[in-house]
């Protein structure tokens, strides 16, 4: 899992989000949130986080989950968890 870049994470999460939110043309932005994406519900949010955890073999901390109010925060938390796995 070494050498994973910010762009790699965005690409992976974008594909996962397209599947979870059932929108093949979805383009991620840091500001994307339940306020501006109607398909973002508590269920789809949970599904997305689970898909990310599986894709990267990581586990989000409860503090991460509480702070993740938009896609930018999800991307940053993913990068943080992946970095921890690489540096172990």
N, C-alpha and C. Protein backbone atom coordinates (compact mmCIF):
# COMPACT_ATOMS: atom_id res chain seq x y z
N UNK A 1 0.81 -1.19 0.00
CA UNK A 1 0.00 0.00 0.00
C UNK A 1 0.86 1.26 0.00
N UNK A 2 2.14 1.12 -0.30
CA UNK A 2 2.97 2.31 -0.25
C UNK A 2 2.80 3.16 -1.50
N UNK A 3 3.21 4.41 -1.36
CA UNK A 3 3.15 5.39 -2.44
C UNK A 3 1.73 5.72 -2.91
N UNK A 4 0.77 5.70 -2.03
CA UNK A 4 -0.58 6.09 -2.39
C UNK A 4 -0.67 7.61 -2.25
N UNK A 5 -1.10 8.25 -3.33
CA UNK A 5 -1.16 9.71 -3.35
C UNK A 5 -2.57 10.20 -3.06
N UNK A 6 -2.66 11.49 -2.84
CA UNK A 6 -3.94 12.15 -2.64
C UNK A 6 -4.85 11.89 -3.85
N UNK A 7 -4.28 11.99 -5.04
CA UNK A 7 -5.06 11.75 -6.26
C UNK A 7 -5.54 10.31 -6.36
N UNK A 8 -4.70 9.35 -5.93
CA UNK A 8 -5.11 7.94 -5.91
C UNK A 8 -6.33 7.75 -5.02
N UNK A 9 -6.28 8.37 -3.85
CA UNK A 9 -7.38 8.24 -2.90
C UNK A 9 -8.65 8.86 -3.48
N UNK A 10 -8.52 10.03 -4.08
CA UNK A 10 -9.68 10.68 -4.68
C UNK A 10 -10.28 9.80 -5.77
N UNK A 11 -9.45 9.23 -6.62
CA UNK A 11 -9.95 8.36 -7.69
C UNK A 11 -10.70 7.16 -7.12
N UNK A 12 -10.12 6.52 -6.12
CA UNK A 12 -10.75 5.34 -5.52
C UNK A 12 -12.07 5.72 -4.86
N UNK A 13 -12.05 6.77 -4.06
CA UNK A 13 -13.27 7.18 -3.37
C UNK A 13 -14.33 7.63 -4.37
N UNK A 14 -13.92 8.29 -5.43
CA UNK A 14 -14.89 8.72 -6.44
C UNK A 14 -15.60 7.51 -7.04
N UNK A 15 -14.85 6.46 -7.38
CA UNK A 15 -15.47 5.27 -7.95
C UNK A 15 -16.40 4.60 -6.93
N UNK A 16 -15.95 4.52 -5.68
CA UNK A 16 -16.79 3.93 -4.64
C UNK A 16 -18.06 4.76 -4.45
N UNK A 17 -17.90 6.09 -4.42
CA UNK A 17 -19.05 6.98 -4.24
C UNK A 17 -20.03 6.86 -5.41
N UNK A 18 -19.51 6.73 -6.61
CA UNK A 18 -20.39 6.56 -7.77
C UNK A 18 -21.26 5.31 -7.60
N UNK A 19 -20.66 4.25 -7.09
CA UNK A 19 -21.41 3.00 -6.87
C UNK A 19 -22.41 3.16 -5.73
N UNK A 20 -21.96 3.68 -4.61
CA UNK A 20 -22.81 3.81 -3.43
C UNK A 20 -23.98 4.77 -3.68
N UNK A 21 -23.69 5.91 -4.30
CA UNK A 21 -24.72 6.92 -4.53
C UNK A 21 -25.47 6.69 -5.84
N UNK A 22 -25.13 5.61 -6.54
CA UNK A 22 -25.81 5.22 -7.78
C UNK A 22 -25.83 6.35 -8.81
N UNK A 23 -24.65 6.98 -8.98
CA UNK A 23 -24.52 8.08 -9.94
C UNK A 23 -23.19 7.90 -10.68
N UNK A 24 -23.22 7.30 -11.87
CA UNK A 24 -21.98 7.01 -12.59
C UNK A 24 -21.21 8.25 -13.05
N UNK A 25 -21.84 9.42 -13.00
CA UNK A 25 -21.18 10.65 -13.42
C UNK A 25 -20.76 11.55 -12.26
N UNK A 26 -20.91 11.07 -11.04
CA UNK A 26 -20.60 11.86 -9.85
C UNK A 26 -19.16 12.35 -9.87
N UNK A 27 -18.97 13.64 -9.66
CA UNK A 27 -17.65 14.24 -9.55
C UNK A 27 -17.48 14.75 -8.12
N UNK A 28 -16.49 14.22 -7.44
CA UNK A 28 -16.27 14.61 -6.04
C UNK A 28 -15.77 16.04 -5.93
N UNK A 29 -16.15 16.67 -4.84
CA UNK A 29 -15.58 17.95 -4.44
C UNK A 29 -15.46 17.91 -2.92
N UNK A 30 -14.53 18.66 -2.39
CA UNK A 30 -14.33 18.68 -0.93
C UNK A 30 -15.59 19.13 -0.20
N UNK A 31 -16.38 20.00 -0.82
CA UNK A 31 -17.56 20.56 -0.18
C UNK A 31 -18.78 19.65 -0.26
N UNK A 32 -18.69 18.56 -1.01
CA UNK A 32 -19.83 17.65 -1.16
C UNK A 32 -20.23 17.11 0.21
N UNK A 33 -21.55 17.20 0.49
CA UNK A 33 -22.07 16.79 1.80
C UNK A 33 -23.55 16.43 1.66
N UNK A 34 -24.18 16.01 2.75
CA UNK A 34 -25.62 15.73 2.67
C UNK A 34 -26.43 16.96 2.25
N UNK A 35 -25.90 18.14 2.51
CA UNK A 35 -26.63 19.38 2.17
C UNK A 35 -26.75 19.59 0.66
N UNK A 36 -25.79 19.05 -0.11
CA UNK A 36 -25.83 19.30 -1.55
C UNK A 36 -25.82 18.02 -2.40
N UNK A 37 -25.94 16.87 -1.74
CA UNK A 37 -26.05 15.59 -2.46
C UNK A 37 -27.21 14.81 -1.86
N UNK A 38 -28.38 14.87 -2.49
CA UNK A 38 -29.58 14.24 -1.95
C UNK A 38 -29.43 12.74 -1.67
N UNK A 39 -28.57 12.07 -2.42
CA UNK A 39 -28.38 10.62 -2.22
C UNK A 39 -27.57 10.30 -0.97
N UNK A 40 -26.99 11.34 -0.33
CA UNK A 40 -26.16 11.15 0.86
C UNK A 40 -27.10 11.04 2.07
N UNK A 41 -27.33 9.82 2.49
CA UNK A 41 -28.15 9.56 3.68
C UNK A 41 -27.27 8.88 4.71
N UNK A 42 -27.81 8.64 5.88
CA UNK A 42 -27.02 7.93 6.89
C UNK A 42 -26.63 6.54 6.40
N UNK A 43 -27.50 5.90 5.64
CA UNK A 43 -27.20 4.57 5.11
C UNK A 43 -26.11 4.63 4.05
N UNK A 44 -26.22 5.54 3.09
CA UNK A 44 -25.20 5.61 2.04
C UNK A 44 -23.86 6.08 2.61
N UNK A 45 -23.90 6.94 3.61
CA UNK A 45 -22.67 7.40 4.28
C UNK A 45 -21.97 6.20 4.92
N UNK A 46 -22.72 5.38 5.63
CA UNK A 46 -22.17 4.19 6.27
C UNK A 46 -21.63 3.23 5.22
N UNK A 47 -22.37 3.05 4.13
CA UNK A 47 -21.92 2.17 3.05
C UNK A 47 -20.61 2.67 2.45
N UNK A 48 -20.52 3.97 2.21
CA UNK A 48 -19.31 4.53 1.63
C UNK A 48 -18.12 4.32 2.55
N UNK A 49 -18.28 4.60 3.83
CA UNK A 49 -17.17 4.42 4.76
C UNK A 49 -16.74 2.96 4.82
N UNK A 50 -17.70 2.06 4.80
CA UNK A 50 -17.38 0.63 4.82
C UNK A 50 -16.61 0.24 3.56
N UNK A 51 -17.06 0.72 2.41
CA UNK A 51 -16.38 0.43 1.15
C UNK A 51 -14.94 0.96 1.16
N UNK A 52 -14.74 2.14 1.72
CA UNK A 52 -13.39 2.72 1.81
C UNK A 52 -12.53 1.87 2.74
N UNK A 53 -13.08 1.47 3.88
CA UNK A 53 -12.33 0.63 4.82
C UNK A 53 -11.89 -0.67 4.16
N UNK A 54 -12.78 -1.29 3.41
CA UNK A 54 -12.46 -2.54 2.73
C UNK A 54 -11.41 -2.31 1.64
N UNK A 55 -11.59 -1.26 0.85
CA UNK A 55 -10.68 -0.98 -0.26
C UNK A 55 -9.24 -0.77 0.22
N UNK A 56 -9.10 -0.11 1.37
CA UNK A 56 -7.76 0.22 1.87
C UNK A 56 -7.33 -0.62 3.08
N UNK A 57 -8.19 -1.55 3.49
CA UNK A 57 -7.89 -2.38 4.66
C UNK A 57 -7.53 -1.51 5.87
N UNK A 58 -8.41 -0.53 6.13
CA UNK A 58 -8.23 0.39 7.26
C UNK A 58 -9.49 0.36 8.11
N UNK A 59 -9.41 0.97 9.26
CA UNK A 59 -10.58 1.17 10.12
C UNK A 59 -10.58 2.63 10.56
N UNK A 60 -11.70 3.29 10.33
CA UNK A 60 -11.83 4.66 10.80
C UNK A 60 -12.08 4.66 12.30
N UNK A 61 -11.52 5.64 12.96
CA UNK A 61 -11.77 5.83 14.39
C UNK A 61 -13.11 6.56 14.54
N UNK A 62 -13.74 6.37 15.67
CA UNK A 62 -15.02 7.04 15.92
C UNK A 62 -14.86 8.55 15.83
N UNK A 63 -13.71 9.07 16.24
CA UNK A 63 -13.48 10.51 16.15
C UNK A 63 -13.42 10.96 14.69
N UNK A 64 -12.89 10.10 13.81
CA UNK A 64 -12.89 10.41 12.38
C UNK A 64 -14.32 10.53 11.88
N UNK A 65 -15.12 9.53 12.21
CA UNK A 65 -16.49 9.44 11.71
C UNK A 65 -17.31 10.65 12.15
N UNK A 66 -17.12 11.07 13.38
CA UNK A 66 -17.84 12.23 13.90
C UNK A 66 -17.45 13.50 13.14
N UNK A 67 -16.17 13.62 12.79
CA UNK A 67 -15.67 14.83 12.12
C UNK A 67 -15.96 14.86 10.62
N UNK A 68 -16.25 13.72 10.02
CA UNK A 68 -16.42 13.67 8.57
C UNK A 68 -17.79 14.19 8.15
N UNK A 69 -17.86 15.50 7.96
CA UNK A 69 -19.12 16.15 7.59
C UNK A 69 -19.21 16.44 6.09
N UNK A 70 -18.10 16.22 5.37
CA UNK A 70 -18.11 16.44 3.92
C UNK A 70 -17.07 15.54 3.27
N UNK A 71 -17.03 15.54 1.96
CA UNK A 71 -16.15 14.63 1.23
C UNK A 71 -14.68 14.97 1.46
N UNK A 72 -14.36 16.23 1.61
CA UNK A 72 -12.97 16.62 1.89
C UNK A 72 -12.47 15.98 3.17
N UNK A 73 -13.31 15.97 4.19
CA UNK A 73 -12.93 15.36 5.47
C UNK A 73 -12.78 13.85 5.33
N UNK A 74 -13.63 13.23 4.51
CA UNK A 74 -13.52 11.78 4.28
C UNK A 74 -12.20 11.46 3.57
N UNK A 75 -11.87 12.25 2.57
CA UNK A 75 -10.61 12.04 1.84
C UNK A 75 -9.42 12.21 2.77
N UNK A 76 -9.43 13.27 3.58
CA UNK A 76 -8.32 13.52 4.50
C UNK A 76 -8.19 12.42 5.56
N UNK A 77 -9.31 11.97 6.10
CA UNK A 77 -9.26 10.90 7.10
C UNK A 77 -8.75 9.60 6.47
N UNK A 78 -9.15 9.35 5.23
CA UNK A 78 -8.66 8.16 4.53
C UNK A 78 -7.15 8.23 4.35
N UNK A 79 -6.66 9.36 3.89
CA UNK A 79 -5.22 9.54 3.72
C UNK A 79 -4.47 9.35 5.04
N UNK A 80 -5.04 9.87 6.10
CA UNK A 80 -4.43 9.74 7.42
C UNK A 80 -4.33 8.28 7.86
N UNK A 81 -5.42 7.54 7.71
CA UNK A 81 -5.44 6.12 8.10
C UNK A 81 -4.50 5.30 7.21
N UNK A 82 -4.50 5.58 5.91
CA UNK A 82 -3.61 4.85 4.99
C UNK A 82 -2.15 5.13 5.35
N UNK A 83 -1.84 6.38 5.65
CA UNK A 83 -0.47 6.76 6.04
C UNK A 83 -0.05 6.02 7.29
N UNK A 84 -0.94 5.89 8.24
CA UNK A 84 -0.62 5.17 9.47
C UNK A 84 -0.27 3.72 9.16
N UNK A 85 -1.00 3.11 8.23
CA UNK A 85 -0.75 1.71 7.87
C UNK A 85 0.60 1.56 7.18
N UNK A 86 0.96 2.53 6.34
CA UNK A 86 2.22 2.48 5.62
C UNK A 86 3.39 2.66 6.58
N UNK A 87 3.21 3.52 7.57
CA UNK A 87 4.30 3.86 8.48
C UNK A 87 4.42 2.94 9.68
N UNK A 88 3.65 1.87 9.70
CA UNK A 88 3.71 0.94 10.84
C UNK A 88 4.83 -0.03 10.63
